[in-house]
Amino acid sequence: MMSKKLEVIINEAIRRANDLKHEYLTLENVLLAMLSDEQVREILIECGAEVEEVKNELSDFIKDDSNFSILNDEQIKELSQKQFVNDELRELAKENGILYQPEISMALQRVIQRAAIHVQSSGKRQIKGINLLVALFQEKESYALYTLEKQGVERFDVVRAISHGPVGASDEAGPKQLEVDGDTEAEEVQGGKGASFLEKFAINLNEQAHENLIDPLVGRRDEVLRIIQILCRRRKNNPLLVGEAGVGKTAIVEGLAKLIVEDDVPDVLKETTIYALDMASLVAGAKFRGDFEARIKGVIKDLEKMHKDGERAILFIDEMHTVMGAGATSGGS
């Protein structure tokens, strides 16, 4: 699912393509429209690009008559016979002086699909402009990529800028900024400006239960009741689920979240939110010494803030053993 801002960007790219009577909606159309996104502009500037030069070069390329096709009446008739253009679209096009509604090019389709897969695998739900920007770098034959590379922008620089802030930041400054000022940390590829560490690096299981994204739990009632009993203790209230891979440890916790949403738990656990720590996002980009630890501290501080505000939260760490040694730099233990 695209974010509202990205939908506006895509619609603007389609409008421009229609105005220029383009046969296809291309990466160049979308990248040009994406330059209006403040996040994308900031990332490109941090990578050393002159945004206005990129904008002008893309505009010149798109307006070049040799780079798009205008369909004549015979071609429109042929496309109509192939059911690519229906009567309603042709009537609308005729009224507005548009010969053809542009189709999405294969390159743009691939970029959107890659961005969607990346966002989905990271537990997020919305594709943003910066996700498309990263995915664009795999289209080696596109003029959009050529324009960025001409400005010295590389994929590594973009990902680094998204993950750590300005590309020129020193090793010492990066972790310190993460630890001291968590709310202003540079956006992750799937994150948002001003988002908390919990929003960036954890998945809200209660929300998934609300939206029926969690499968029903069958045959694990005793285990769930035991976890509830441990969580209700005043001390020593941290349950640890041990078992072979695939036996359903994560499903038990998801089942608990479903019970909380259904208000089928003791009063101590009512209105409690369960956050599942996303280890992949937590470790991703933690290149510098102290980055991983700073993110962990940020998550803990967010939980402490919730506690002070009277909110209840449980942090679920899936695959707990992967935390050992996570974020270690080369040469470390």
Protein backbone atom coordinates (compact mmCIF):
# COMPACT_ATOMS: atom_id res chain seq x y z
CA MET A 1 0.00 0.00 0.00
CA MET A 2 1.35 3.40 -0.99
CA SER A 3 1.47 6.30 1.43
CA LYS A 4 -0.82 9.25 0.73
CA LYS A 5 2.15 11.40 -0.24
CA LEU A 6 3.41 8.81 -2.73
CA GLU A 7 -0.07 8.49 -4.24
CA VAL A 8 -0.08 12.26 -4.82
CA ILE A 9 3.37 12.00 -6.43
CA ILE A 10 2.29 9.17 -8.77
CA ASN A 11 -0.89 11.03 -9.72
CA GLU A 12 1.13 14.14 -10.51
CA ALA A 13 3.49 12.06 -12.68
CA ILE A 14 0.47 10.61 -14.54
CA ARG A 15 -0.98 14.09 -15.07
CA ARG A 16 2.29 15.35 -16.53
CA ALA A 17 2.59 12.29 -18.76
CA ASN A 18 -0.95 12.89 -20.00
CA ASP A 19 -0.21 16.54 -20.70
CA LEU A 20 2.82 15.51 -22.77
CA LYS A 21 0.83 12.70 -24.44
CA HIS A 22 3.29 10.02 -23.35
CA GLU A 23 2.53 6.42 -24.16
CA TYR A 24 4.18 5.14 -20.96
CA LEU A 25 4.57 6.36 -17.40
CA THR A 26 8.30 5.93 -16.85
CA LEU A 27 10.82 6.08 -14.03
CA GLU A 28 11.86 9.51 -15.25
CA ASN A 29 8.29 10.82 -14.90
CA VAL A 30 8.04 9.50 -11.35
CA LEU A 31 11.53 10.60 -10.26
CA LEU A 32 10.80 14.12 -11.51
CA ALA A 33 7.57 14.17 -9.47
CA MET A 34 9.39 12.69 -6.46
CA LEU A 35 11.65 15.74 -6.33
CA SER A 36 8.70 17.58 -4.77
CA ASP A 37 8.94 15.20 -1.78
CA GLU A 38 10.88 16.94 0.98
CA GLN A 39 12.33 13.64 2.26
CA VAL A 40 13.66 12.67 -1.17
CA ARG A 41 15.12 16.15 -1.73
CA GLU A 42 16.91 16.10 1.63
CA ILE A 43 18.42 12.68 0.94
CA LEU A 44 19.67 13.73 -2.51
CA ILE A 45 21.14 16.95 -1.13
CA GLU A 46 22.93 15.00 1.60
CA CYS A 47 24.36 12.76 -1.11
CA GLY A 48 25.81 15.80 -2.87
CA ALA A 49 23.29 16.16 -5.69
CA GLU A 50 22.12 19.46 -7.12
CA VAL A 51 18.38 18.88 -7.05
CA GLU A 52 17.59 21.69 -9.51
CA GLU A 53 20.06 20.26 -12.02
CA VAL A 54 18.46 16.82 -11.69
CA LYS A 55 15.04 18.43 -12.16
CA ASN A 56 16.08 20.37 -15.25
CA GLU A 57 17.81 17.40 -16.87
CA LEU A 58 14.82 15.11 -16.30
CA SER A 59 12.45 17.79 -17.60
CA ASP A 60 14.51 18.22 -20.78
CA PHE A 61 14.66 14.46 -21.30
CA ILE A 62 10.92 13.97 -20.81
CA LYS A 63 9.96 16.86 -23.11
CA ASP A 64 12.22 15.60 -25.91
CA ASP A 65 9.88 14.40 -28.69
CA SER A 66 12.17 11.44 -29.40
CA ASN A 67 11.60 10.00 -25.93
CA PHE A 68 7.86 9.33 -26.14
CA SER A 69 5.22 8.24 -28.62
CA ILE A 70 2.00 9.91 -29.75
CA LEU A 71 -0.62 7.47 -30.95
CA ASN A 72 -2.54 8.05 -34.15
CA ASP A 73 -6.14 6.99 -34.80
CA GLU A 74 -5.14 3.61 -36.26
CA GLN A 75 -3.01 2.76 -33.22
CA ILE A 76 -5.81 3.75 -30.85
CA LYS A 77 -8.20 1.51 -32.80
CA GLU A 78 -5.75 -1.39 -32.63
CA LEU A 79 -5.26 -0.93 -28.88
CA SER A 80 -9.01 -0.76 -28.39
CA GLN A 81 -9.45 -4.07 -30.18
CA LYS A 82 -6.89 -5.56 -27.81
CA GLN A 83 -8.96 -4.22 -24.88
CA PHE A 84 -6.19 -1.98 -23.67
CA VAL A 85 -8.41 1.08 -24.10
CA ASN A 86 -12.08 0.91 -23.17
CA ASP A 87 -14.87 3.14 -24.47
CA GLU A 88 -15.03 5.24 -21.34
CA LEU A 89 -11.29 5.99 -21.39
CA ARG A 90 -11.34 6.87 -25.08
CA GLU A 91 -14.32 9.20 -24.58
CA LEU A 92 -12.64 10.87 -21.63
CA ALA A 93 -9.39 11.19 -23.57
CA LYS A 94 -11.25 12.76 -26.50
CA GLU A 95 -12.98 15.32 -24.25
CA ASN A 96 -9.70 16.35 -22.63
CA GLY A 97 -7.56 16.27 -25.75
CA ILE A 98 -5.57 13.26 -24.47
CA LEU A 99 -4.80 10.63 -27.07
CA TYR A 100 -4.00 7.83 -24.68
CA GLN A 101 -3.82 7.07 -20.98
CA PRO A 102 -0.16 6.17 -20.26
CA GLU A 103 0.66 2.64 -19.19
CA ILE A 104 3.14 1.93 -16.42
CA SER A 105 6.48 0.94 -17.93
CA MET A 106 8.04 -2.41 -17.03
CA ALA A 107 10.96 -0.67 -15.30
CA LEU A 108 8.61 1.32 -13.06
CA GLN A 109 6.62 -1.83 -12.29
CA ARG A 110 9.80 -3.60 -11.20
CA VAL A 111 10.83 -0.68 -8.97
CA ILE A 112 7.43 -0.57 -7.26
CA GLN A 113 7.45 -4.35 -6.77
CA ARG A 114 10.94 -4.30 -5.25
CA ALA A 115 9.97 -1.47 -2.92
CA ALA A 116 6.80 -3.31 -1.90
CA ILE A 117 8.69 -6.55 -1.16
CA HIS A 118 11.28 -4.67 0.90
CA VAL A 119 8.63 -2.81 2.90
CA GLN A 120 6.60 -5.97 3.49
CA SER A 121 9.62 -8.00 4.60
CA SER A 122 10.50 -5.32 7.14
CA GLY A 123 7.06 -5.47 8.73
CA LYS A 124 5.95 -2.05 7.48
CA ARG A 125 2.77 -1.34 5.56
CA GLN A 126 3.30 1.73 3.42
CA ILE A 127 5.59 2.35 0.47
CA LYS A 128 7.15 5.82 0.57
CA GLY A 129 9.08 7.90 -1.90
CA ILE A 130 12.41 7.01 -0.31
CA ASN A 131 11.60 3.30 -0.80
CA LEU A 132 11.21 3.89 -4.55
CA LEU A 133 14.40 5.94 -4.57
CA VAL A 134 16.42 3.02 -3.16
CA ALA A 135 14.74 0.46 -5.44
CA LEU A 136 15.44 2.62 -8.49
CA PHE A 137 19.19 1.91 -8.29
CA GLN A 138 18.70 -1.61 -9.65
CA GLU A 139 17.42 -0.27 -12.99
CA LYS A 140 20.86 0.07 -14.54
CA GLU A 141 19.61 0.96 -18.04
CA SER A 142 17.33 3.83 -16.99
CA TYR A 143 18.01 7.49 -17.71
CA ALA A 144 16.72 8.27 -14.21
CA LEU A 145 19.61 6.32 -12.68
CA TYR A 146 22.06 7.86 -15.16
CA THR A 147 20.94 11.33 -14.04
CA LEU A 148 21.53 10.49 -10.37
CA GLU A 149 24.90 8.84 -11.02
CA LYS A 150 25.91 11.86 -13.06
CA GLN A 151 25.48 13.87 -9.85
CA GLY A 152 27.65 11.36 -7.98
CA VAL A 153 24.72 9.78 -6.12
CA GLU A 154 25.19 6.08 -5.36
CA ARG A 155 22.89 3.58 -3.71
CA PHE A 156 25.20 3.12 -0.72
CA ASP A 157 25.17 6.88 -0.07
CA VAL A 158 21.36 6.99 -0.25
CA VAL A 159 20.88 4.07 2.15
CA ARG A 160 23.51 5.49 4.49
CA ALA A 161 21.90 8.94 4.44
CA ILE A 162 18.51 7.42 5.20
CA SER A 163 19.89 5.26 8.01
CA HIS A 164 22.40 7.60 9.65
CA GLY A 165 21.72 11.15 8.55
CA PRO A 166 24.25 13.26 6.61
CA VAL A 167 26.78 11.23 4.64
CA GLY A 168 29.65 13.28 6.01
CA ALA A 169 28.83 12.58 9.66
CA SER A 170 31.74 11.22 11.66
CA ASP A 171 31.80 7.85 13.40
CA GLU A 172 31.72 9.54 16.78
CA ALA A 173 28.81 11.82 15.94
CA GLY A 174 26.51 9.10 14.54
CA PRO A 175 25.90 6.95 17.64
CA LYS A 176 25.87 10.00 19.90
CA GLN A 177 23.10 11.60 17.86
CA LEU A 178 21.11 8.37 17.93
CA GLU A 179 21.40 8.03 21.67
CA VAL A 180 20.78 11.63 22.69
CA ASP A 181 18.17 12.71 20.18
CA GLY A 182 16.12 9.71 19.17
CA ASP A 183 13.18 11.71 17.82
CA THR A 184 15.30 13.52 15.22
CA GLU A 185 17.27 10.54 13.98
CA ALA A 186 17.43 10.38 10.20
CA GLU A 187 14.63 8.39 8.72
CA GLU A 188 15.00 4.74 7.99
CA VAL A 189 13.99 3.49 4.58
CA GLN A 190 10.70 2.36 6.11
CA GLY A 191 10.50 4.97 8.84
CA GLY A 192 9.05 8.45 9.08
CA LYS A 193 10.31 11.80 10.25
CA GLY A 194 9.80 12.20 13.98
CA ALA A 195 8.84 8.55 14.41
CA SER A 196 9.74 6.94 17.74
CA PHE A 197 12.20 4.07 18.02
CA LEU A 198 9.29 1.71 18.74
CA GLU A 199 7.57 2.76 15.52
CA LYS A 200 10.78 2.28 13.54
CA PHE A 201 12.12 -0.93 15.04
CA ALA A 202 9.10 -2.77 16.45
CA ILE A 203 5.80 -4.18 15.19
CA ASN A 204 2.59 -3.47 17.10
CA LEU A 205 0.95 -6.88 17.49
CA ASN A 206 -2.21 -5.35 18.95
CA GLU A 207 -2.77 -3.41 15.72
CA GLN A 208 -2.31 -6.59 13.70
CA ALA A 209 -4.81 -8.37 15.96
CA HIS A 210 -7.28 -5.49 15.51
CA GLU A 211 -6.99 -5.83 11.75
CA ASN A 212 -7.36 -9.64 11.86
CA LEU A 213 -3.87 -10.16 10.48
CA ILE A 214 -3.11 -12.78 13.16
CA ASP A 215 -4.22 -16.38 12.68
CA PRO A 216 -6.29 -18.03 15.43
CA LEU A 217 -4.22 -19.92 18.04
CA VAL A 218 -5.17 -23.57 18.36
CA GLY A 219 -4.06 -26.03 21.06
CA ARG A 220 -1.80 -23.65 23.01
CA ARG A 221 -4.20 -22.49 25.72
CA ASP A 222 -2.08 -23.87 28.59
CA GLU A 223 1.08 -22.13 27.34
CA VAL A 224 -0.73 -18.82 26.96
CA LEU A 225 -2.20 -19.08 30.47
CA ARG A 226 1.26 -19.83 31.86
CA ILE A 227 2.68 -16.73 30.14
CA ILE A 228 -0.18 -14.63 31.52
CA GLN A 229 0.57 -15.97 35.00
CA ILE A 230 4.26 -15.03 34.73
CA LEU A 231 3.52 -11.57 33.32
CA CYS A 232 1.18 -10.84 36.22
CA ARG A 233 3.94 -11.38 38.80
CA ARG A 234 5.39 -8.36 40.60
CA ARG A 235 8.94 -9.69 40.16
CA LYS A 236 10.61 -12.22 37.83
CA ASN A 237 7.95 -11.52 35.24
CA ASN A 238 9.92 -12.09 32.02
CA PRO A 239 8.85 -15.37 30.35
CA LEU A 240 11.26 -17.07 27.95
CA LEU A 241 9.83 -19.40 25.32
CA VAL A 242 12.18 -22.23 24.39
CA GLY A 243 11.59 -24.72 21.60
CA GLU A 244 12.63 -25.95 18.19
CA ALA A 245 12.11 -23.74 15.17
CA GLY A 246 8.57 -23.86 13.84
CA VAL A 247 6.81 -25.19 16.95
CA GLY A 248 4.80 -21.98 17.38
CA LYS A 249 6.62 -19.76 19.89
CA THR A 250 5.79 -16.58 18.01
CA ALA A 251 2.22 -17.75 17.47
CA ILE A 252 1.77 -18.01 21.25
CA VAL A 253 2.69 -14.35 21.71
CA GLU A 254 0.43 -13.36 18.82
CA GLY A 255 -2.34 -15.34 20.48
CA LEU A 256 -1.76 -13.36 23.68
CA ALA A 257 -2.07 -10.10 21.73
CA LYS A 258 -5.36 -11.35 20.30
CA LEU A 259 -6.65 -12.11 23.81
CA ILE A 260 -5.67 -8.61 24.98
CA VAL A 261 -7.53 -7.03 22.07
CA GLU A 262 -10.56 -9.20 22.86
CA ASP A 263 -10.30 -8.11 26.53
CA ASP A 264 -10.00 -11.75 27.62
CA VAL A 265 -7.10 -11.24 30.07
CA PRO A 266 -6.72 -10.29 33.76
CA ASP A 267 -7.05 -6.60 34.69
CA VAL A 268 -3.26 -6.30 35.03
CA LEU A 269 -2.82 -6.95 31.31
CA LYS A 270 -5.83 -5.08 29.98
CA GLU A 271 -5.03 -2.23 27.58
CA THR A 272 -1.46 -3.51 27.32
CA THR A 273 0.30 -3.19 23.96
CA ILE A 274 2.67 -5.91 22.78
CA TYR A 275 5.55 -4.78 20.56
CA ALA A 276 7.57 -7.36 18.63
CA LEU A 277 11.15 -6.19 18.16
CA ASP A 278 12.11 -6.26 14.48
CA MET A 279 15.71 -7.50 14.63
CA ALA A 280 16.23 -7.08 10.87
CA SER A 281 15.43 -3.35 10.99
CA LEU A 282 17.31 -2.94 14.26
CA VAL A 283 20.56 -4.33 12.86
CA ALA A 284 20.19 -2.89 9.33
CA GLY A 285 22.58 -0.01 8.84
CA ALA A 286 24.17 -0.39 12.29
CA LYS A 287 27.63 -0.07 10.80
CA PHE A 288 29.35 2.20 13.31
CA ARG A 289 30.38 1.20 16.79
CA GLY A 290 27.54 1.86 19.22
CA ASP A 291 24.74 2.22 16.64
CA PHE A 292 22.99 -1.02 17.64
CA GLU A 293 23.31 -0.28 21.36
CA ALA A 294 21.96 3.24 20.81
CA ARG A 295 18.90 1.86 19.05
CA ILE A 296 18.28 -0.65 21.84
CA LYS A 297 18.53 2.19 24.36
CA GLY A 298 16.12 4.25 22.26
CA VAL A 299 13.54 1.44 22.30
CA ILE A 300 13.92 1.06 26.08
CA LYS A 301 13.55 4.82 26.60
CA ASP A 302 10.36 4.80 24.56
CA LEU A 303 9.00 1.99 26.74
CA GLU A 304 9.98 3.89 29.89
CA LYS A 305 8.23 6.99 28.58
CA MET A 306 5.06 4.96 27.96
CA HIS A 307 5.25 3.64 31.52
CA LYS A 308 5.59 7.18 32.91
CA ASP A 309 2.59 8.26 30.85
CA GLY A 310 0.53 5.46 32.40
CA GLU A 311 0.56 3.23 29.30
CA ARG A 312 1.31 -0.48 29.50
CA ALA A 313 3.60 -2.20 27.06
CA ILE A 314 5.30 -5.58 26.62
CA LEU A 315 8.39 -5.98 24.43
CA PHE A 316 8.60 -9.34 22.66
CA ILE A 317 12.07 -10.23 21.35
CA ASP A 318 11.73 -12.98 18.76
CA GLU A 319 14.81 -15.18 18.21
CA MET A 320 16.37 -13.87 21.42
CA HIS A 321 19.70 -15.61 20.74
CA THR A 322 20.28 -13.38 17.68
CA VAL A 323 20.69 -10.38 19.99
CA MET A 324 23.97 -11.85 21.21
CA GLY A 325 26.64 -10.33 19.01
CA ALA A 326 24.15 -8.33 16.94
CA GLY A 327 25.54 -4.99 15.81
CA ALA A 328 29.14 -6.09 16.41
CA THR A 329 31.61 -4.33 14.13
CA SER A 330 34.37 -6.04 12.22
CA GLY A 331 37.14 -7.14 14.54
CA GLY A 332 34.76 -7.30 17.51
CA SER A 333 33.67 -10.39 19.40
